[in-house]
Amino acid sequence: MSHIERTLILVKPDGVARGLAGEVLRRVEAKGYTLAGAELLVPSEELLAQHYAEHVGKPFYAPLVEFMSSGPVLAIVAQGERVIEGFRVLAGETDPTTAAPGTIRGDFGRDWGAKVIQNIVHGSDSPQSAEREIALWFPQL
């Protein structure tokens, strides 16, 4: 049974600054997913407030928005069979220190005691999140 879905992938400012956007795209495409949209942008605080709405008021919210608006982000809509689950496996655990080697975060993420973990990528965690996030970042899709 085919279960084609879409997900939002963000290559965060640390990934773009370190020249890893191409490597993330390579891994996504090598897995067999296709790109339905891509845009390089510095996200506004308004967009980030909507994207991270569930975190507003938490202690890490302000540093997270500061980090995510500190430079360009590559926003990608990828699609394919079980792409949400598949990309989360490619990305690895949120904490780059414990993420498995071979995953994006395990290979490239850094935890240097910064205010915000620099873990290279974001991927939607459910079909509902993917739909909401894609509508925010790519209203035209």
N, C-alpha and C. Protein backbone atom coordinates (compact mmCIF):
# COMPACT_ATOMS: atom_id res chain seq x y z
N MET A 1 0.85 -1.17 0.00
CA MET A 1 0.00 0.00 0.00
C MET A 1 0.90 1.24 0.00
N SER A 2 0.62 2.14 -0.91
CA SER A 2 1.41 3.36 -1.03
C SER A 2 0.94 4.39 -0.01
N HIS A 3 1.92 5.04 0.64
CA HIS A 3 1.59 6.07 1.62
C HIS A 3 2.51 7.26 1.39
N ILE A 4 2.26 7.96 0.26
CA ILE A 4 3.06 9.13 -0.10
C ILE A 4 2.63 10.29 0.80
N GLU A 5 3.61 10.94 1.39
CA GLU A 5 3.33 12.09 2.26
C GLU A 5 4.39 13.15 2.02
N ARG A 6 4.16 14.32 2.63
CA ARG A 6 5.12 15.42 2.53
C ARG A 6 5.57 15.81 3.94
N THR A 7 6.78 16.36 4.01
CA THR A 7 7.30 16.85 5.28
C THR A 7 8.07 18.14 5.06
N LEU A 8 8.15 18.92 6.12
CA LEU A 8 9.00 20.11 6.08
C LEU A 8 10.34 19.75 6.70
N ILE A 9 11.40 20.10 5.99
CA ILE A 9 12.76 19.95 6.48
C ILE A 9 13.38 21.34 6.50
N LEU A 10 13.99 21.70 7.60
CA LEU A 10 14.73 22.95 7.68
C LEU A 10 16.19 22.63 7.91
N VAL A 11 17.06 23.15 7.06
CA VAL A 11 18.48 23.14 7.35
C VAL A 11 18.71 24.44 8.11
N LYS A 12 19.00 24.31 9.39
CA LYS A 12 19.07 25.45 10.31
C LYS A 12 20.30 26.32 10.01
N PRO A 13 20.36 27.52 10.61
CA PRO A 13 21.48 28.43 10.31
C PRO A 13 22.86 27.80 10.50
N ASP A 14 23.02 26.91 11.48
CA ASP A 14 24.33 26.27 11.67
C ASP A 14 24.67 25.37 10.49
N GLY A 15 23.69 24.67 9.95
CA GLY A 15 23.93 23.80 8.80
C GLY A 15 24.25 24.57 7.54
N VAL A 16 23.52 25.67 7.31
CA VAL A 16 23.78 26.50 6.13
C VAL A 16 25.15 27.15 6.25
N ALA A 17 25.46 27.72 7.42
CA ALA A 17 26.74 28.41 7.63
C ALA A 17 27.93 27.47 7.45
N ARG A 18 27.74 26.20 7.80
CA ARG A 18 28.84 25.23 7.68
C ARG A 18 28.88 24.53 6.33
N GLY A 19 28.03 24.96 5.39
CA GLY A 19 28.05 24.39 4.05
C GLY A 19 27.48 22.99 3.97
N LEU A 20 26.52 22.65 4.84
CA LEU A 20 25.98 21.30 4.90
C LEU A 20 24.62 21.14 4.20
N ALA A 21 24.08 22.23 3.64
CA ALA A 21 22.76 22.14 2.99
C ALA A 21 22.78 21.13 1.84
N GLY A 22 23.84 21.16 1.05
CA GLY A 22 23.96 20.21 -0.06
C GLY A 22 24.03 18.77 0.41
N GLU A 23 24.74 18.53 1.51
CA GLU A 23 24.84 17.17 2.07
C GLU A 23 23.48 16.70 2.57
N VAL A 24 22.72 17.58 3.20
CA VAL A 24 21.38 17.21 3.66
C VAL A 24 20.51 16.86 2.45
N LEU A 25 20.54 17.72 1.43
CA LEU A 25 19.77 17.43 0.21
C LEU A 25 20.22 16.12 -0.43
N ARG A 26 21.52 15.89 -0.47
CA ARG A 26 22.04 14.64 -1.06
C ARG A 26 21.47 13.43 -0.34
N ARG A 27 21.47 13.47 0.99
CA ARG A 27 20.97 12.34 1.77
C ARG A 27 19.46 12.15 1.56
N VAL A 28 18.71 13.24 1.50
CA VAL A 28 17.26 13.16 1.28
C VAL A 28 16.98 12.53 -0.08
N GLU A 29 17.67 13.00 -1.11
CA GLU A 29 17.44 12.47 -2.45
C GLU A 29 17.98 11.05 -2.60
N ALA A 30 19.11 10.75 -1.96
CA ALA A 30 19.66 9.39 -2.03
C ALA A 30 18.71 8.37 -1.41
N LYS A 31 17.93 8.80 -0.45
CA LYS A 31 16.95 7.93 0.20
C LYS A 31 15.75 7.68 -0.72
N GLY A 32 15.64 8.47 -1.79
CA GLY A 32 14.57 8.27 -2.76
C GLY A 32 13.43 9.26 -2.64
N TYR A 33 13.58 10.27 -1.78
CA TYR A 33 12.54 11.28 -1.65
C TYR A 33 12.74 12.35 -2.73
N THR A 34 11.67 13.02 -3.08
CA THR A 34 11.74 14.08 -4.08
C THR A 34 11.44 15.42 -3.42
N LEU A 35 11.94 16.48 -4.05
CA LEU A 35 11.73 17.82 -3.55
C LEU A 35 10.50 18.43 -4.21
N ALA A 36 9.61 18.97 -3.39
CA ALA A 36 8.41 19.63 -3.91
C ALA A 36 8.55 21.14 -3.78
N GLY A 37 9.55 21.60 -3.01
CA GLY A 37 9.79 23.02 -2.84
C GLY A 37 11.06 23.23 -2.04
N ALA A 38 11.71 24.35 -2.29
CA ALA A 38 12.92 24.72 -1.54
C ALA A 38 13.10 26.23 -1.62
N GLU A 39 13.50 26.82 -0.50
CA GLU A 39 13.74 28.26 -0.47
C GLU A 39 14.77 28.57 0.61
N LEU A 40 15.72 29.43 0.26
CA LEU A 40 16.71 29.91 1.22
C LEU A 40 16.23 31.27 1.72
N LEU A 41 16.07 31.40 3.04
CA LEU A 41 15.57 32.65 3.61
C LEU A 41 16.04 32.81 5.04
N VAL A 42 16.05 34.04 5.49
CA VAL A 42 16.25 34.32 6.91
C VAL A 42 14.83 34.47 7.48
N PRO A 43 14.40 33.52 8.32
CA PRO A 43 13.01 33.57 8.80
C PRO A 43 12.76 34.76 9.72
N SER A 44 11.57 35.32 9.58
CA SER A 44 11.17 36.44 10.44
C SER A 44 10.78 35.91 11.82
N GLU A 45 10.81 36.80 12.79
CA GLU A 45 10.38 36.41 14.14
C GLU A 45 8.91 36.00 14.13
N GLU A 46 8.11 36.63 13.27
CA GLU A 46 6.69 36.28 13.16
C GLU A 46 6.52 34.84 12.67
N LEU A 47 7.25 34.46 11.61
CA LEU A 47 7.18 33.10 11.10
C LEU A 47 7.63 32.10 12.16
N LEU A 48 8.72 32.42 12.85
CA LEU A 48 9.23 31.51 13.88
C LEU A 48 8.26 31.41 15.05
N ALA A 49 7.58 32.51 15.40
CA ALA A 49 6.59 32.47 16.48
C ALA A 49 5.45 31.53 16.12
N GLN A 50 5.07 31.51 14.85
CA GLN A 50 4.02 30.59 14.42
C GLN A 50 4.54 29.15 14.38
N HIS A 51 5.75 28.99 13.87
CA HIS A 51 6.34 27.65 13.75
C HIS A 51 6.54 27.01 15.13
N TYR A 52 7.03 27.79 16.08
CA TYR A 52 7.33 27.28 17.42
C TYR A 52 6.27 27.70 18.43
N ALA A 53 5.02 27.84 18.00
CA ALA A 53 3.93 28.34 18.86
C ALA A 53 3.80 27.56 20.17
N GLU A 54 4.04 26.25 20.13
CA GLU A 54 3.89 25.44 21.36
C GLU A 54 4.99 25.72 22.38
N HIS A 55 6.03 26.44 21.97
CA HIS A 55 7.15 26.73 22.88
C HIS A 55 7.15 28.16 23.43
N VAL A 56 6.22 29.00 22.96
CA VAL A 56 6.16 30.38 23.43
C VAL A 56 6.04 30.38 24.96
N GLY A 57 6.86 31.19 25.62
CA GLY A 57 6.83 31.28 27.08
C GLY A 57 7.77 30.32 27.80
N LYS A 58 8.34 29.36 27.06
CA LYS A 58 9.29 28.44 27.69
C LYS A 58 10.66 29.11 27.74
N PRO A 59 11.51 28.71 28.70
CA PRO A 59 12.80 29.39 28.88
C PRO A 59 13.70 29.37 27.64
N PHE A 60 13.59 28.34 26.82
CA PHE A 60 14.47 28.23 25.65
C PHE A 60 13.90 28.92 24.42
N TYR A 61 12.68 29.48 24.51
CA TYR A 61 12.02 30.05 23.33
C TYR A 61 12.82 31.22 22.73
N ALA A 62 13.15 32.23 23.53
CA ALA A 62 13.85 33.41 23.01
C ALA A 62 15.20 33.04 22.39
N PRO A 63 16.03 32.22 23.05
CA PRO A 63 17.29 31.82 22.41
C PRO A 63 17.07 31.02 21.12
N LEU A 64 16.01 30.23 21.07
CA LEU A 64 15.70 29.44 19.87
C LEU A 64 15.36 30.37 18.70
N VAL A 65 14.50 31.36 18.94
CA VAL A 65 14.13 32.31 17.89
C VAL A 65 15.36 33.13 17.46
N GLU A 66 16.17 33.53 18.42
CA GLU A 66 17.39 34.27 18.11
C GLU A 66 18.31 33.45 17.20
N PHE A 67 18.49 32.18 17.54
CA PHE A 67 19.34 31.29 16.75
C PHE A 67 18.75 31.08 15.35
N MET A 68 17.46 30.76 15.28
CA MET A 68 16.84 30.44 14.00
C MET A 68 16.75 31.65 13.07
N SER A 69 16.82 32.86 13.62
CA SER A 69 16.78 34.06 12.77
C SER A 69 18.18 34.67 12.59
N SER A 70 19.21 33.95 13.02
CA SER A 70 20.58 34.48 12.98
C SER A 70 21.24 34.38 11.61
N GLY A 71 20.62 33.69 10.68
CA GLY A 71 21.19 33.53 9.35
C GLY A 71 20.24 32.78 8.47
N PRO A 72 20.65 32.53 7.23
CA PRO A 72 19.77 31.82 6.30
C PRO A 72 19.44 30.40 6.76
N VAL A 73 18.22 30.00 6.43
CA VAL A 73 17.70 28.66 6.65
C VAL A 73 17.29 28.14 5.28
N LEU A 74 17.58 26.88 4.98
CA LEU A 74 17.07 26.27 3.76
C LEU A 74 15.83 25.49 4.13
N ALA A 75 14.68 25.98 3.68
CA ALA A 75 13.40 25.31 3.92
C ALA A 75 13.09 24.42 2.72
N ILE A 76 12.73 23.18 3.00
CA ILE A 76 12.52 22.18 1.96
C ILE A 76 11.20 21.45 2.23
N VAL A 77 10.44 21.21 1.19
CA VAL A 77 9.33 20.27 1.28
C VAL A 77 9.77 19.04 0.50
N ALA A 78 9.85 17.92 1.21
CA ALA A 78 10.22 16.65 0.59
C ALA A 78 8.99 15.76 0.60
N GLN A 79 8.90 14.90 -0.39
CA GLN A 79 7.76 13.98 -0.44
C GLN A 79 8.24 12.59 -0.81
N GLY A 80 7.46 11.62 -0.38
CA GLY A 80 7.77 10.25 -0.68
C GLY A 80 7.08 9.31 0.29
N GLU A 81 7.30 8.05 0.08
CA GLU A 81 6.74 6.99 0.91
C GLU A 81 7.24 7.13 2.34
N ARG A 82 6.34 7.39 3.28
CA ARG A 82 6.66 7.49 4.71
C ARG A 82 7.82 8.46 4.97
N VAL A 83 7.83 9.60 4.25
CA VAL A 83 8.94 10.54 4.32
C VAL A 83 9.10 11.16 5.71
N ILE A 84 8.02 11.35 6.45
CA ILE A 84 8.14 11.95 7.79
C ILE A 84 8.99 11.05 8.68
N GLU A 85 8.61 9.80 8.78
CA GLU A 85 9.36 8.83 9.58
C GLU A 85 10.77 8.64 9.02
N GLY A 86 10.87 8.53 7.71
CA GLY A 86 12.16 8.29 7.07
C GLY A 86 13.15 9.42 7.31
N PHE A 87 12.69 10.68 7.20
CA PHE A 87 13.62 11.77 7.43
C PHE A 87 14.03 11.85 8.88
N ARG A 88 13.12 11.56 9.80
CA ARG A 88 13.48 11.61 11.22
C ARG A 88 14.55 10.56 11.54
N VAL A 89 14.52 9.43 10.86
CA VAL A 89 15.58 8.43 11.03
C VAL A 89 16.89 8.95 10.43
N LEU A 90 16.82 9.56 9.23
CA LEU A 90 18.02 10.15 8.62
C LEU A 90 18.63 11.23 9.51
N ALA A 91 17.76 12.04 10.14
CA ALA A 91 18.23 13.16 10.97
C ALA A 91 18.91 12.65 12.24
N GLY A 92 18.37 11.62 12.85
CA GLY A 92 18.92 11.11 14.09
C GLY A 92 18.29 11.79 15.30
N GLU A 93 18.69 11.36 16.48
CA GLU A 93 18.16 11.92 17.72
C GLU A 93 18.41 13.43 17.79
N THR A 94 17.54 14.13 18.51
CA THR A 94 17.64 15.58 18.63
C THR A 94 18.99 16.01 19.21
N ASP A 95 19.45 15.30 20.21
CA ASP A 95 20.72 15.62 20.87
C ASP A 95 21.88 15.09 20.03
N PRO A 96 22.69 15.97 19.44
CA PRO A 96 23.76 15.50 18.56
C PRO A 96 24.82 14.66 19.28
N THR A 97 24.95 14.82 20.58
CA THR A 97 25.94 14.04 21.32
C THR A 97 25.57 12.56 21.36
N THR A 98 24.27 12.27 21.39
CA THR A 98 23.83 10.88 21.46
C THR A 98 23.27 10.36 20.15
N ALA A 99 23.17 11.21 19.13
CA ALA A 99 22.67 10.77 17.83
C ALA A 99 23.65 9.78 17.22
N ALA A 100 23.12 8.76 16.58
CA ALA A 100 23.95 7.68 16.03
C ALA A 100 24.83 8.18 14.88
N PRO A 101 26.06 7.66 14.81
CA PRO A 101 26.89 7.93 13.63
C PRO A 101 26.13 7.47 12.38
N GLY A 102 26.31 8.20 11.29
CA GLY A 102 25.59 7.88 10.07
C GLY A 102 24.34 8.71 9.90
N THR A 103 23.86 9.33 10.99
CA THR A 103 22.72 10.24 10.88
C THR A 103 23.25 11.66 10.68
N ILE A 104 22.40 12.55 10.20
CA ILE A 104 22.82 13.93 9.97
C ILE A 104 23.31 14.56 11.27
N ARG A 105 22.51 14.42 12.33
CA ARG A 105 22.90 15.03 13.61
C ARG A 105 24.08 14.31 14.24
N GLY A 106 24.16 13.00 14.08
CA GLY A 106 25.28 12.25 14.63
C GLY A 106 26.59 12.59 13.94
N ASP A 107 26.52 12.84 12.64
CA ASP A 107 27.73 13.15 11.88
C ASP A 107 28.14 14.62 11.97
N PHE A 108 27.16 15.52 12.07
CA PHE A 108 27.47 16.94 11.93
C PHE A 108 27.02 17.84 13.08
N GLY A 109 26.09 17.38 13.91
CA GLY A 109 25.56 18.21 14.99
C GLY A 109 26.60 18.46 16.06
N ARG A 110 26.47 19.60 16.74
CA ARG A 110 27.42 19.95 17.80
C ARG A 110 26.66 20.43 19.02
N ASP A 111 27.14 20.06 20.17
CA ASP A 111 26.57 20.53 21.42
C ASP A 111 27.72 21.11 22.23
N TRP A 112 27.92 22.40 22.08
CA TRP A 112 29.05 23.07 22.72
C TRP A 112 28.62 23.88 23.92
N GLY A 113 27.52 23.48 24.55
CA GLY A 113 27.04 24.24 25.69
C GLY A 113 26.41 25.55 25.28
N ALA A 114 26.05 25.66 24.00
CA ALA A 114 25.38 26.87 23.53
C ALA A 114 23.99 26.96 24.15
N LYS A 115 23.38 28.14 24.06
CA LYS A 115 22.02 28.32 24.60
C LYS A 115 21.03 27.41 23.88
N VAL A 116 21.31 27.11 22.63
CA VAL A 116 20.43 26.27 21.81
C VAL A 116 21.30 25.20 21.16
N ILE A 117 20.85 23.95 21.21
CA ILE A 117 21.58 22.86 20.55
C ILE A 117 21.62 23.13 19.05
N GLN A 118 22.80 23.02 18.49
CA GLN A 118 22.98 23.22 17.06
C GLN A 118 22.98 21.84 16.40
N ASN A 119 21.79 21.42 15.97
CA ASN A 119 21.66 20.05 15.46
C ASN A 119 21.31 19.99 13.98
N ILE A 120 21.63 21.01 13.24
CA ILE A 120 21.65 21.05 11.78
C ILE A 120 20.28 21.10 11.12
N VAL A 121 19.34 20.24 11.53
CA VAL A 121 18.08 20.12 10.80
C VAL A 121 16.86 20.05 11.72
N HIS A 122 15.73 20.39 11.13
CA HIS A 122 14.41 20.16 11.72
C HIS A 122 13.63 19.32 10.73
N GLY A 123 12.83 18.41 11.23
CA GLY A 123 11.89 17.66 10.39
C GLY A 123 10.56 17.56 11.11
N SER A 124 9.48 17.69 10.38
CA SER A 124 8.15 17.56 10.97
C SER A 124 8.02 16.23 11.69
N ASP A 125 7.29 16.22 12.82
CA ASP A 125 7.21 15.00 13.62
C ASP A 125 5.94 14.19 13.42
N SER A 126 5.00 14.69 12.61
CA SER A 126 3.74 13.97 12.37
C SER A 126 3.10 14.53 11.12
N PRO A 127 2.14 13.80 10.55
CA PRO A 127 1.43 14.34 9.38
C PRO A 127 0.73 15.67 9.69
N GLN A 128 0.20 15.81 10.89
CA GLN A 128 -0.48 17.05 11.26
C GLN A 128 0.53 18.20 11.35
N SER A 129 1.68 17.97 11.97
CA SER A 129 2.73 18.99 12.05
C SER A 129 3.24 19.35 10.66
N ALA A 130 3.43 18.34 9.82
CA ALA A 130 3.92 18.59 8.47
C ALA A 130 2.96 19.49 7.70
N GLU A 131 1.67 19.20 7.78
CA GLU A 131 0.67 20.00 7.08
C GLU A 131 0.69 21.45 7.59
N ARG A 132 0.74 21.63 8.90
CA ARG A 132 0.75 22.97 9.50
C ARG A 132 2.03 23.73 9.13
N GLU A 133 3.18 23.05 9.25
CA GLU A 133 4.46 23.70 8.98
C GLU A 133 4.63 24.05 7.50
N ILE A 134 4.22 23.15 6.61
CA ILE A 134 4.33 23.43 5.18
C ILE A 134 3.47 24.63 4.82
N ALA A 135 2.28 24.73 5.40
CA ALA A 135 1.39 25.87 5.14
C ALA A 135 2.03 27.19 5.60
N LEU A 136 2.82 27.15 6.69
CA LEU A 136 3.50 28.36 7.17
C LEU A 136 4.65 28.76 6.27
N TRP A 137 5.50 27.81 5.93
CA TRP A 137 6.73 28.10 5.20
C TRP A 137 6.53 28.17 3.68
N PHE A 138 5.52 27.45 3.18
CA PHE A 138 5.25 27.38 1.73
C PHE A 138 3.75 27.52 1.48
N PRO A 139 3.18 28.71 1.74
CA PRO A 139 1.74 28.86 1.56
C PRO A 139 1.27 28.60 0.13
N GLN A 140 2.19 28.70 -0.82
CA GLN A 140 1.84 28.50 -2.23
C GLN A 140 1.72 27.02 -2.61
N LEU A 141 2.16 26.11 -1.74
CA LEU A 141 2.11 24.67 -2.11
C LEU A 141 0.83 24.04 -1.64
